[in-house]
Amino acid sequence: MSNAIDIALTALRTFERKNDVIANNIANVNTDGFKKIHADMIQTTLPGVAVSPQRVNTPGDTVTINGVERETSNVNPEEELMALMVNQRSYEANLLTVKTTQEMQGTLFDILG
């Protein structure tokens, strides 16, 4: 059962990292020329997951202000907020996995003891 806890703990760390990436994208939504980062989860050699951040190089919108053309960031705030909600629910699910596994171990020790 500790393997389940180990996997869930690596997932919790990964979701924290994904939160950092999403927060950085949201913080830079109004930064001209900023390119968002997409954080994919990958399986590691040990049981567990890690985050693999990749810069998304699609261009932002081009706007003209005072005769000067500028490229806005390519961050879509709605998309980032949806990713944040999914990430939060995934974090909560893994937290529940850790809690349930600990409760199961406690019950097993009570039965054996």
PDB file of N, CA and C in Angstrom:
ATOM      1  N   MET A   1       0.812  -1.206   0.000  1.00  0.00           N
ATOM      2  CA  MET A   1       0.000   0.000   0.000  1.00  0.00           C
ATOM      3  C   MET A   1       0.848   1.261   0.000  1.00  0.00           C
ATOM      4  N   SER A   2       2.070   1.159   0.528  1.00  0.00           N
ATOM      5  CA  SER A   2       2.908   2.359   0.536  1.00  0.00           C
ATOM      6  C   SER A   2       3.250   2.794  -0.877  1.00  0.00           C
ATOM      7  N   ASN A   3       3.225   1.847  -1.827  1.00  0.00           N
ATOM      8  CA  ASN A   3       3.466   2.198  -3.217  1.00  0.00           C
ATOM      9  C   ASN A   3       2.390   3.164  -3.717  1.00  0.00           C
ATOM     10  N   ALA A   4       1.145   2.928  -3.314  1.00  0.00           N
ATOM     11  CA  ALA A   4       0.054   3.836  -3.703  1.00  0.00           C
ATOM     12  C   ALA A   4       0.289   5.225  -3.127  1.00  0.00           C
ATOM     13  N   ILE A   5       0.758   5.279  -1.896  1.00  0.00           N
ATOM     14  CA  ILE A   5       1.046   6.572  -1.268  1.00  0.00           C
ATOM     15  C   ILE A   5       2.197   7.270  -1.998  1.00  0.00           C
ATOM     16  N   ASP A   6       3.236   6.505  -2.328  1.00  0.00           N
ATOM     17  CA  ASP A   6       4.383   7.096  -3.035  1.00  0.00           C
ATOM     18  C   ASP A   6       3.962   7.676  -4.381  1.00  0.00           C
ATOM     19  N   ILE A   7       3.151   6.941  -5.112  1.00  0.00           N
ATOM     20  CA  ILE A   7       2.681   7.420  -6.415  1.00  0.00           C
ATOM     21  C   ILE A   7       1.820   8.664  -6.240  1.00  0.00           C
ATOM     22  N   ALA A   8       0.905   8.629  -5.264  1.00  0.00           N
ATOM     23  CA  ALA A   8       0.035   9.781  -5.021  1.00  0.00           C
ATOM     24  C   ALA A   8       0.850  11.005  -4.588  1.00  0.00           C
ATOM     25  N   LEU A   9       1.904  10.793  -3.803  1.00  0.00           N
ATOM     26  CA  LEU A   9       2.738  11.913  -3.368  1.00  0.00           C
ATOM     27  C   LEU A   9       3.503  12.532  -4.536  1.00  0.00           C
ATOM     28  N   THR A  10       3.985  11.701  -5.472  1.00  0.00           N
ATOM     29  CA  THR A  10       4.645  12.275  -6.647  1.00  0.00           C
ATOM     30  C   THR A  10       3.632  13.058  -7.481  1.00  0.00           C
ATOM     31  N   ALA A  11       2.400  12.554  -7.543  1.00  0.00           N
ATOM     32  CA  ALA A  11       1.352  13.273  -8.274  1.00  0.00           C
ATOM     33  C   ALA A  11       1.044  14.607  -7.598  1.00  0.00           C
ATOM     34  N   LEU A  12       0.999  14.633  -6.269  1.00  0.00           N
ATOM     35  CA  LEU A  12       0.734  15.884  -5.554  1.00  0.00           C
ATOM     36  C   LEU A  12       1.812  16.917  -5.867  1.00  0.00           C
ATOM     37  N   ARG A  13       3.070  16.486  -5.859  1.00  0.00           N
ATOM     38  CA  ARG A  13       4.167  17.411  -6.196  1.00  0.00           C
ATOM     39  C   ARG A  13       4.044  17.891  -7.641  1.00  0.00           C
ATOM     40  N   THR A  14       3.642  16.988  -8.521  1.00  0.00           N
ATOM     41  CA  THR A  14       3.483  17.355  -9.928  1.00  0.00           C
ATOM     42  C   THR A  14       2.347  18.353 -10.107  1.00  0.00           C
ATOM     43  N   PHE A  15       1.234  18.148  -9.420  1.00  0.00           N
ATOM     44  CA  PHE A  15       0.120  19.093  -9.532  1.00  0.00           C
ATOM     45  C   PHE A  15       0.483  20.455  -8.939  1.00  0.00           C
ATOM     46  N   GLU A  16       1.314  20.470  -7.902  1.00  0.00           N
ATOM     47  CA  GLU A  16       1.799  21.756  -7.371  1.00  0.00           C
ATOM     48  C   GLU A  16       2.625  22.479  -8.432  1.00  0.00           C
ATOM     49  N   ARG A  17       3.483  21.738  -9.122  1.00  0.00           N
ATOM     50  CA  ARG A  17       4.313  22.341 -10.182  1.00  0.00           C
ATOM     51  C   ARG A  17       3.438  22.849 -11.323  1.00  0.00           C
ATOM     52  N   LYS A  18       2.408  22.062 -11.693  1.00  0.00           N
ATOM     53  CA  LYS A  18       1.487  22.500 -12.750  1.00  0.00           C
ATOM     54  C   LYS A  18       0.773  23.775 -12.326  1.00  0.00           C
ATOM     55  N   ASN A  19       0.394  23.861 -11.046  1.00  0.00           N
ATOM     56  CA  ASN A  19      -0.238  25.082 -10.529  1.00  0.00           C
ATOM     57  C   ASN A  19       0.682  26.281 -10.705  1.00  0.00           C
ATOM     58  N   ASP A  20       1.974  26.090 -10.420  1.00  0.00           N
ATOM     59  CA  ASP A  20       2.950  27.174 -10.588  1.00  0.00           C
ATOM     60  C   ASP A  20       3.012  27.632 -12.046  1.00  0.00           C
ATOM     61  N   VAL A  21       3.002  26.684 -12.973  1.00  0.00           N
ATOM     62  CA  VAL A  21       3.060  27.014 -14.399  1.00  0.00           C
ATOM     63  C   VAL A  21       1.804  27.775 -14.817  1.00  0.00           C
ATOM     64  N   ILE A  22       0.641  27.290 -14.387  1.00  0.00           N
ATOM     65  CA  ILE A  22      -0.621  27.949 -14.732  1.00  0.00           C
ATOM     66  C   ILE A  22      -0.659  29.358 -14.142  1.00  0.00           C
ATOM     67  N   ALA A  23      -0.225  29.495 -12.891  1.00  0.00           N
ATOM     68  CA  ALA A  23      -0.210  30.814 -12.248  1.00  0.00           C
ATOM     69  C   ALA A  23       0.708  31.775 -12.998  1.00  0.00           C
ATOM     70  N   ASN A  24       1.853  31.278 -13.457  1.00  0.00           N
ATOM     71  CA  ASN A  24       2.773  32.112 -14.223  1.00  0.00           C
ATOM     72  C   ASN A  24       2.132  32.551 -15.544  1.00  0.00           C
ATOM     73  N   ASN A  25       1.431  31.638 -16.197  1.00  0.00           N
ATOM     74  CA  ASN A  25       0.746  31.993 -17.440  1.00  0.00           C
ATOM     75  C   ASN A  25      -0.300  33.083 -17.188  1.00  0.00           C
ATOM     76  N   ILE A  26      -1.101  32.910 -16.146  1.00  0.00           N
ATOM     77  CA  ILE A  26      -2.150  33.889 -15.833  1.00  0.00           C
ATOM     78  C   ILE A  26      -1.534  35.238 -15.471  1.00  0.00           C
ATOM     79  N   ALA A  27      -0.433  35.214 -14.719  1.00  0.00           N
ATOM     80  CA  ALA A  27       0.215  36.458 -14.315  1.00  0.00           C
ATOM     81  C   ALA A  27       0.756  37.233 -15.522  1.00  0.00           C
ATOM     82  N   ASN A  28       1.049  36.523 -16.611  1.00  0.00           N
ATOM     83  CA  ASN A  28       1.627  37.166 -17.787  1.00  0.00           C
ATOM     84  C   ASN A  28       0.644  37.331 -18.941  1.00  0.00           C
ATOM     85  N   VAL A  29      -0.644  37.226 -18.652  1.00  0.00           N
ATOM     86  CA  VAL A  29      -1.651  37.330 -19.711  1.00  0.00           C
ATOM     87  C   VAL A  29      -1.578  38.675 -20.433  1.00  0.00           C
ATOM     88  N   ASN A  30      -1.162  39.726 -19.758  1.00  0.00           N
ATOM     89  CA  ASN A  30      -1.070  41.059 -20.370  1.00  0.00           C
ATOM     90  C   ASN A  30       0.364  41.472 -20.708  1.00  0.00           C
ATOM     91  N   THR A  31       1.291  40.533 -20.700  1.00  0.00           N
ATOM     92  CA  THR A  31       2.683  40.826 -21.037  1.00  0.00           C
ATOM     93  C   THR A  31       2.884  40.615 -22.534  1.00  0.00           C
ATOM     94  N   ASP A  32       3.166  41.695 -23.243  1.00  0.00           N
ATOM     95  CA  ASP A  32       3.351  41.596 -24.693  1.00  0.00           C
ATOM     96  C   ASP A  32       4.447  40.597 -25.031  1.00  0.00           C
ATOM     97  N   GLY A  33       4.143  39.733 -26.022  1.00  0.00           N
ATOM     98  CA  GLY A  33       5.129  38.781 -26.512  1.00  0.00           C
ATOM     99  C   GLY A  33       5.333  37.555 -25.644  1.00  0.00           C
ATOM    100  N   PHE A  34       4.656  37.462 -24.493  1.00  0.00           N
ATOM    101  CA  PHE A  34       4.835  36.303 -23.608  1.00  0.00           C
ATOM    102  C   PHE A  34       4.286  35.054 -24.276  1.00  0.00           C
ATOM    103  N   LYS A  35       5.023  33.966 -24.192  1.00  0.00           N
ATOM    104  CA  LYS A  35       4.589  32.672 -24.717  1.00  0.00           C
ATOM    105  C   LYS A  35       4.257  31.757 -23.538  1.00  0.00           C
ATOM    106  N   LYS A  36       3.032  31.244 -23.548  1.00  0.00           N
ATOM    107  CA  LYS A  36       2.598  30.399 -22.435  1.00  0.00           C
ATOM    108  C   LYS A  36       3.364  29.089 -22.403  1.00  0.00           C
ATOM    109  N   ILE A  37       3.315  28.463 -21.243  1.00  0.00           N
ATOM    110  CA  ILE A  37       3.956  27.166 -21.039  1.00  0.00           C
ATOM    111  C   ILE A  37       2.853  26.167 -20.736  1.00  0.00           C
ATOM    112  N   HIS A  38       2.920  25.026 -21.394  1.00  0.00           N
ATOM    113  CA  HIS A  38       1.964  23.952 -21.153  1.00  0.00           C
ATOM    114  C   HIS A  38       2.692  22.877 -20.364  1.00  0.00           C
ATOM    115  N   ALA A  39       2.131  22.458 -19.245  1.00  0.00           N
ATOM    116  CA  ALA A  39       2.776  21.473 -18.380  1.00  0.00           C
ATOM    117  C   ALA A  39       2.095  20.118 -18.546  1.00  0.00           C
ATOM    118  N   ASP A  40       2.780  19.200 -19.215  1.00  0.00           N
ATOM    119  CA  ASP A  40       2.269  17.841 -19.390  1.00  0.00           C
ATOM    120  C   ASP A  40       2.794  16.956 -18.272  1.00  0.00           C
ATOM    121  N   MET A  41       1.998  15.968 -17.920  1.00  0.00           N
ATOM    122  CA  MET A  41       2.446  14.983 -16.940  1.00  0.00           C
ATOM    123  C   MET A  41       3.027  13.795 -17.685  1.00  0.00           C
ATOM    124  N   ILE A  42       4.175  13.300 -17.207  1.00  0.00           N
ATOM    125  CA  ILE A  42       4.810  12.132 -17.813  1.00  0.00           C
ATOM    126  C   ILE A  42       5.076  11.097 -16.734  1.00  0.00           C
ATOM    127  N   GLN A  43       5.056   9.847 -17.123  1.00  0.00           N
ATOM    128  CA  GLN A  43       5.355   8.767 -16.190  1.00  0.00           C
ATOM    129  C   GLN A  43       6.860   8.686 -15.994  1.00  0.00           C
ATOM    130  N   THR A  44       7.279   8.485 -14.756  1.00  0.00           N
ATOM    131  CA  THR A  44       8.709   8.376 -14.459  1.00  0.00           C
ATOM    132  C   THR A  44       9.110   6.909 -14.413  1.00  0.00           C
ATOM    133  N   THR A  45      10.415   6.662 -14.389  1.00  0.00           N
ATOM    134  CA  THR A  45      10.903   5.281 -14.342  1.00  0.00           C
ATOM    135  C   THR A  45      10.499   4.612 -13.040  1.00  0.00           C
ATOM    136  N   LEU A  46      10.530   5.364 -11.967  1.00  0.00           N
ATOM    137  CA  LEU A  46       9.992   4.852 -10.711  1.00  0.00           C
ATOM    138  C   LEU A  46       8.480   5.005 -10.793  1.00  0.00           C
ATOM    139  N   PRO A  47       7.725   4.240 -10.037  1.00  0.00           N
ATOM    140  CA  PRO A  47       6.278   4.466 -10.091  1.00  0.00           C
ATOM    141  C   PRO A  47       5.963   5.901  -9.675  1.00  0.00           C
ATOM    142  N   GLY A  48       5.334   6.606 -10.550  1.00  0.00           N
ATOM    143  CA  GLY A  48       4.975   7.984 -10.259  1.00  0.00           C
ATOM    144  C   GLY A  48       4.929   8.824 -11.524  1.00  0.00           C
ATOM    145  N   VAL A  49       4.779  10.129 -11.325  1.00  0.00           N
ATOM    146  CA  VAL A  49       4.676  11.055 -12.445  1.00  0.00           C
ATOM    147  C   VAL A  49       5.533  12.285 -12.182  1.00  0.00           C
ATOM    148  N   ALA A  50       5.809  13.000 -13.245  1.00  0.00           N
ATOM    149  CA  ALA A  50       6.553  14.260 -13.156  1.00  0.00           C
ATOM    150  C   ALA A  50       5.936  15.208 -14.169  1.00  0.00           C
ATOM    151  N   VAL A  51       6.334  16.463 -14.090  1.00  0.00           N
ATOM    152  CA  VAL A  51       5.811  17.459 -15.024  1.00  0.00           C
ATOM    153  C   VAL A  51       6.860  17.736 -16.091  1.00  0.00           C
ATOM    154  N   SER A  52       6.376  17.902 -17.316  1.00  0.00           N
ATOM    155  CA  SER A  52       7.252  18.222 -18.437  1.00  0.00           C
ATOM    156  C   SER A  52       6.757  19.523 -19.066  1.00  0.00           C
ATOM    157  N   PRO A  53       7.343  20.661 -18.664  1.00  0.00           N
ATOM    158  CA  PRO A  53       6.883  21.948 -19.213  1.00  0.00           C
ATOM    159  C   PRO A  53       7.387  22.164 -20.641  1.00  0.00           C
ATOM    160  N   GLN A  54       6.493  22.636 -21.505  1.00  0.00           N
ATOM    161  CA  GLN A  54       6.827  22.921 -22.901  1.00  0.00           C
ATOM    162  C   GLN A  54       6.307  24.301 -23.263  1.00  0.00           C
ATOM    163  N   ARG A  55       7.152  25.146 -23.830  1.00  0.00           N
ATOM    164  CA  ARG A  55       6.725  26.471 -24.268  1.00  0.00           C
ATOM    165  C   ARG A  55       5.887  26.326 -25.535  1.00  0.00           C
ATOM    166  N   VAL A  56       4.767  27.037 -25.567  1.00  0.00           N
ATOM    167  CA  VAL A  56       3.875  27.034 -26.727  1.00  0.00           C
ATOM    168  C   VAL A  56       4.203  28.278 -27.546  1.00  0.00           C
ATOM    169  N   ASN A  57       4.737  28.077 -28.740  1.00  0.00           N
ATOM    170  CA  ASN A  57       5.242  29.194 -29.535  1.00  0.00           C
ATOM    171  C   ASN A  57       4.249  29.750 -30.547  1.00  0.00           C
ATOM    172  N   THR A  58       2.968  29.495 -30.359  1.00  0.00           N
ATOM    173  CA  THR A  58       1.998  30.096 -31.260  1.00  0.00           C
ATOM    174  C   THR A  58       1.985  31.607 -31.020  1.00  0.00           C
ATOM    175  N   PRO A  59       1.772  32.378 -32.071  1.00  0.00           N
ATOM    176  CA  PRO A  59       1.798  33.833 -31.883  1.00  0.00           C
ATOM    177  C   PRO A  59       0.547  34.339 -31.166  1.00  0.00           C
ATOM    178  N   GLY A  60       0.716  35.426 -30.448  1.00  0.00           N
ATOM    179  CA  GLY A  60      -0.426  36.103 -29.851  1.00  0.00           C
ATOM    180  C   GLY A  60      -1.064  37.009 -30.888  1.00  0.00           C
ATOM    181  N   ASP A  61      -2.100  37.706 -30.510  1.00  0.00           N
ATOM    182  CA  ASP A  61      -2.741  38.655 -31.423  1.00  0.00           C
ATOM    183  C   ASP A  61      -1.810  39.837 -31.667  1.00  0.00           C
ATOM    184  N   THR A  62      -1.943  40.448 -32.828  1.00  0.00           N
ATOM    185  CA  THR A  62      -1.188  41.655 -33.146  1.00  0.00           C
ATOM    186  C   THR A  62      -2.111  42.854 -32.974  1.00  0.00           C
ATOM    187  N   VAL A  63      -1.658  43.817 -32.185  1.00  0.00           N
ATOM    188  CA  VAL A  63      -2.450  45.033 -31.960  1.00  0.00           C
ATOM    189  C   VAL A  63      -1.599  46.247 -32.323  1.00  0.00           C
ATOM    190  N   THR A  64      -2.274  47.302 -32.728  1.00  0.00           N
ATOM    191  CA  THR A  64      -1.580  48.551 -33.044  1.00  0.00           C
ATOM    192  C   THR A  64      -1.993  49.602 -32.025  1.00  0.00           C
ATOM    193  N   ILE A  65      -1.006  50.101 -31.296  1.00  0.00           N
ATOM    194  CA  ILE A  65      -1.258  51.131 -30.290  1.00  0.00           C
ATOM    195  C   ILE A  65      -0.356  52.316 -30.612  1.00  0.00           C
ATOM    196  N   ASN A  66      -0.979  53.472 -30.832  1.00  0.00           N
ATOM    197  CA  ASN A  66      -0.243  54.701 -31.179  1.00  0.00           C
ATOM    198  C   ASN A  66       0.677  54.488 -32.386  1.00  0.00           C
ATOM    199  N   GLY A  67       0.185  53.738 -33.380  1.00  0.00           N
ATOM    200  CA  GLY A  67       0.948  53.514 -34.587  1.00  0.00           C
ATOM    201  C   GLY A  67       2.028  52.463 -34.459  1.00  0.00           C
ATOM    202  N   VAL A  68       2.159  51.836 -33.291  1.00  0.00           N
ATOM    203  CA  VAL A  68       3.182  50.807 -33.087  1.00  0.00           C
ATOM    204  C   VAL A  68       2.485  49.447 -33.007  1.00  0.00           C
ATOM    205  N   GLU A  69       2.948  48.506 -33.837  1.00  0.00           N
ATOM    206  CA  GLU A  69       2.378  47.160 -33.831  1.00  0.00           C
ATOM    207  C   GLU A  69       3.070  46.325 -32.769  1.00  0.00           C
ATOM    208  N   ARG A  70       2.248  45.639 -31.944  1.00  0.00           N
ATOM    209  CA  ARG A  70       2.799  44.783 -30.889  1.00  0.00           C
ATOM    210  C   ARG A  70       2.064  43.452 -30.883  1.00  0.00           C
ATOM    211  N   GLU A  71       2.788  42.426 -30.484  1.00  0.00           N
ATOM    212  CA  GLU A  71       2.182  41.103 -30.335  1.00  0.00           C
ATOM    213  C   GLU A  71       1.826  40.891 -28.866  1.00  0.00           C
ATOM    214  N   THR A  72       0.579  40.524 -28.611  1.00  0.00           N
ATOM    215  CA  THR A  72       0.160  40.252 -27.236  1.00  0.00           C
ATOM    216  C   THR A  72       0.606  38.851 -26.842  1.00  0.00           C
ATOM    217  N   SER A  73       0.375  38.488 -25.596  1.00  0.00           N
ATOM    218  CA  SER A  73       0.713  37.132 -25.162  1.00  0.00           C
ATOM    219  C   SER A  73      -0.251  36.144 -25.811  1.00  0.00           C
ATOM    220  N   ASN A  74       0.152  34.884 -25.864  1.00  0.00           N
ATOM    221  CA  ASN A  74      -0.712  33.858 -26.434  1.00  0.00           C
ATOM    222  C   ASN A  74      -1.487  33.104 -25.348  1.00  0.00           C
ATOM    223  N   VAL A  75      -1.604  33.709 -24.171  1.00  0.00           N
ATOM    224  CA  VAL A  75      -2.312  33.084 -23.050  1.00  0.00           C
ATOM    225  C   VAL A  75      -3.801  33.358 -23.180  1.00  0.00           C
ATOM    226  N   ASN A  76      -4.592  32.292 -23.096  1.00  0.00           N
ATOM    227  CA  ASN A  76      -6.042  32.400 -23.090  1.00  0.00           C
ATOM    228  C   ASN A  76      -6.486  32.235 -21.627  1.00  0.00           C
ATOM    229  N   PRO A  77      -6.950  33.305 -20.969  1.00  0.00           N
ATOM    230  CA  PRO A  77      -7.272  33.209 -19.546  1.00  0.00           C
ATOM    231  C   PRO A  77      -8.345  32.161 -19.235  1.00  0.00           C
ATOM    232  N   GLU A  78      -9.337  32.025 -20.118  1.00  0.00           N
ATOM    233  CA  GLU A  78     -10.387  31.030 -19.876  1.00  0.00           C
ATOM    234  C   GLU A  78      -9.812  29.617 -19.883  1.00  0.00           C
ATOM    235  N   GLU A  79      -8.917  29.374 -20.824  1.00  0.00           N
ATOM    236  CA  GLU A  79      -8.273  28.062 -20.921  1.00  0.00           C
ATOM    237  C   GLU A  79      -7.439  27.777 -19.670  1.00  0.00           C
ATOM    238  N   GLU A  80      -6.730  28.789 -19.201  1.00  0.00           N
ATOM    239  CA  GLU A  80      -5.885  28.623 -18.014  1.00  0.00           C
ATOM    240  C   GLU A  80      -6.725  28.382 -16.759  1.00  0.00           C
ATOM    241  N   LEU A  81      -7.853  29.076 -16.647  1.00  0.00           N
ATOM    242  CA  LEU A  81      -8.724  28.880 -15.480  1.00  0.00           C
ATOM    243  C   LEU A  81      -9.333  27.484 -15.481  1.00  0.00           C
ATOM    244  N   MET A  82      -9.695  26.976 -16.656  1.00  0.00           N
ATOM    245  CA  MET A  82     -10.211  25.605 -16.742  1.00  0.00           C
ATOM    246  C   MET A  82      -9.126  24.608 -16.346  1.00  0.00           C
ATOM    247  N   ALA A  83      -7.902  24.825 -16.813  1.00  0.00           N
ATOM    248  CA  ALA A  83      -6.789  23.948 -16.454  1.00  0.00           C
ATOM    249  C   ALA A  83      -6.541  23.995 -14.949  1.00  0.00           C
ATOM    250  N   LEU A  84      -6.700  25.169 -14.362  1.00  0.00           N
ATOM    251  CA  LEU A  84      -6.523  25.323 -12.920  1.00  0.00           C
ATOM    252  C   LEU A  84      -7.572  24.521 -12.148  1.00  0.00           C
ATOM    253  N   MET A  85      -8.815  24.553 -12.616  1.00  0.00           N
ATOM    254  CA  MET A  85      -9.882  23.788 -11.955  1.00  0.00           C
ATOM    255  C   MET A  85      -9.649  22.285 -12.066  1.00  0.00           C
ATOM    256  N   VAL A  86      -9.253  21.825 -13.241  1.00  0.00           N
ATOM    257  CA  VAL A  86      -8.960  20.399 -13.427  1.00  0.00           C
ATOM    258  C   VAL A  86      -7.796  19.992 -12.534  1.00  0.00           C
ATOM    259  N   ASN A  87      -6.782  20.828 -12.488  1.00  0.00           N
ATOM    260  CA  ASN A  87      -5.614  20.553 -11.663  1.00  0.00           C
ATOM    261  C   ASN A  87      -5.994  20.469 -10.181  1.00  0.00           C
ATOM    262  N   GLN A  88      -6.854  21.371  -9.737  1.00  0.00           N
ATOM    263  CA  GLN A  88      -7.291  21.367  -8.339  1.00  0.00           C
ATOM    264  C   GLN A  88      -8.021  20.081  -7.994  1.00  0.00           C
ATOM    265  N   ARG A  89      -8.939  19.654  -8.864  1.00  0.00           N
ATOM    266  CA  ARG A  89      -9.695  18.416  -8.611  1.00  0.00           C
ATOM    267  C   ARG A  89      -8.771  17.198  -8.632  1.00  0.00           C
ATOM    268  N   SER A  90      -7.804  17.201  -9.508  1.00  0.00           N
ATOM    269  CA  SER A  90      -6.845  16.091  -9.565  1.00  0.00           C
ATOM    270  C   SER A  90      -6.002  16.044  -8.299  1.00  0.00           C
ATOM    271  N   TYR A  91      -5.611  17.211  -7.813  1.00  0.00           N
ATOM    272  CA  TYR A  91      -4.850  17.296  -6.561  1.00  0.00           C
ATOM    273  C   TYR A  91      -5.679  16.726  -5.414  1.00  0.00           C
ATOM    274  N   GLU A  92      -6.953  17.135  -5.350  1.00  0.00           N
ATOM    275  CA  GLU A  92      -7.837  16.653  -4.291  1.00  0.00           C
ATOM    276  C   GLU A  92      -8.017  15.138  -4.361  1.00  0.00           C
ATOM    277  N   ALA A  93      -8.141  14.582  -5.553  1.00  0.00           N
ATOM    278  CA  ALA A  93      -8.308  13.136  -5.719  1.00  0.00           C
ATOM    279  C   ALA A  93      -7.081  12.391  -5.210  1.00  0.00           C
ATOM    280  N   ASN A  94      -5.893  12.901  -5.508  1.00  0.00           N
ATOM    281  CA  ASN A  94      -4.672  12.248  -5.030  1.00  0.00           C
ATOM    282  C   ASN A  94      -4.505  12.399  -3.528  1.00  0.00           C
ATOM    283  N   LEU A  95      -4.931  13.525  -2.994  1.00  0.00           N
ATOM    284  CA  LEU A  95      -4.903  13.714  -1.550  1.00  0.00           C
ATOM    285  C   LEU A  95      -5.822  12.708  -0.867  1.00  0.00           C
ATOM    286  N   LEU A  96      -6.976  12.464  -1.454  1.00  0.00           N
ATOM    287  CA  LEU A  96      -7.918  11.478  -0.921  1.00  0.00           C
ATOM    288  C   LEU A  96      -7.335  10.066  -1.017  1.00  0.00           C
ATOM    289  N   THR A  97      -6.568   9.799  -2.059  1.00  0.00           N
ATOM    290  CA  THR A  97      -5.900   8.499  -2.187  1.00  0.00           C
ATOM    291  C   THR A  97      -4.938   8.275  -1.031  1.00  0.00           C
ATOM    292  N   VAL A  98      -4.159   9.299  -0.700  1.00  0.00           N
ATOM    293  CA  VAL A  98      -3.217   9.191   0.418  1.00  0.00           C
ATOM    294  C   VAL A  98      -3.980   8.945   1.722  1.00  0.00           C
ATOM    295  N   LYS A  99      -5.018   9.713   1.953  1.00  0.00           N
ATOM    296  CA  LYS A  99      -5.809   9.583   3.179  1.00  0.00           C
ATOM    297  C   LYS A  99      -6.444   8.201   3.289  1.00  0.00           C
ATOM    298  N   THR A 100      -7.043   7.723   2.219  1.00  0.00           N
ATOM    299  CA  THR A 100      -7.706   6.419   2.230  1.00  0.00           C
ATOM    300  C   THR A 100      -6.705   5.295   2.443  1.00  0.00           C
ATOM    301  N   THR A 101      -5.545   5.393   1.792  1.00  0.00           N
ATOM    302  CA  THR A 101      -4.513   4.370   1.958  1.00  0.00           C
ATOM    303  C   THR A 101      -4.018   4.331   3.398  1.00  0.00           C
ATOM    304  N   GLN A 102      -3.850   5.489   4.015  1.00  0.00           N
ATOM    305  CA  GLN A 102      -3.428   5.531   5.411  1.00  0.00           C
ATOM    306  C   GLN A 102      -4.494   4.926   6.322  1.00  0.00           C
ATOM    307  N   GLU A 103      -5.759   5.212   6.049  1.00  0.00           N
ATOM    308  CA  GLU A 103      -6.847   4.632   6.842  1.00  0.00           C
ATOM    309  C   GLU A 103      -6.881   3.118   6.693  1.00  0.00           C
ATOM    310  N   MET A 104      -6.666   2.624   5.470  1.00  0.00           N
ATOM    311  CA  MET A 104      -6.649   1.177   5.231  1.00  0.00           C
ATOM    312  C   MET A 104      -5.497   0.519   5.979  1.00  0.00           C
ATOM    313  N   GLN A 105      -4.335   1.158   5.975  1.00  0.00           N
ATOM    314  CA  GLN A 105      -3.198   0.614   6.711  1.00  0.00           C
ATOM    315  C   GLN A 105      -3.475   0.597   8.209  1.00  0.00           C
ATOM    316  N   GLY A 106      -4.101   1.653   8.702  1.00  0.00           N
ATOM    317  CA  GLY A 106      -4.454   1.700  10.119  1.00  0.00           C
ATOM    318  C   GLY A 106      -5.408   0.586  10.499  1.00  0.00           C
ATOM    319  N   THR A 107      -6.415   0.339   9.664  1.00  0.00           N
ATOM    320  CA  THR A 107      -7.370  -0.733   9.915  1.00  0.00           C
ATOM    321  C   THR A 107      -6.673  -2.085   9.874  1.00  0.00           C
ATOM    322  N   LEU A 108      -5.787  -2.274   8.922  1.00  0.00           N
ATOM    323  CA  LEU A 108      -5.043  -3.530   8.814  1.00  0.00           C
ATOM    324  C   LEU A 108      -4.199  -3.760  10.062  1.00  0.00           C
ATOM    325  N   PHE A 109      -3.521  -2.729  10.550  1.00  0.00           N
ATOM    326  CA  PHE A 109      -2.706  -2.861  11.763  1.00  0.00           C
ATOM    327  C   PHE A 109      -3.581  -3.166  12.972  1.00  0.00           C
ATOM    328  N   ASP A 110      -4.777  -2.575  13.023  1.00  0.00           N
ATOM    329  CA  ASP A 110      -5.703  -2.858  14.128  1.00  0.00           C
ATOM    330  C   ASP A 110      -6.141  -4.318  14.109  1.00  0.00           C
ATOM    331  N   ILE A 111      -6.397  -4.842  12.937  1.00  0.00           N
ATOM    332  CA  ILE A 111      -6.828  -6.237  12.801  1.00  0.00           C
ATOM    333  C   ILE A 111      -5.693  -7.174  13.186  1.00  0.00           C
ATOM    334  N   LEU A 112      -4.492  -6.866  12.728  1.00  0.00           N
ATOM    335  CA  LEU A 112      -3.339  -7.705  13.021  1.00  0.00           C
ATOM    336  C   LEU A 112      -2.881  -7.593  14.472  1.00  0.00           C
ATOM    337  N   GLY A 113      -3.120  -6.434  15.075  1.00  0.00           N
ATOM    338  CA  GLY A 113      -2.657  -6.172  16.436  1.00  0.00           C
ATOM    339  C   GLY A 113      -3.564  -6.762  17.415  1.00  0.00           C
TER     340      GLY A 113
END
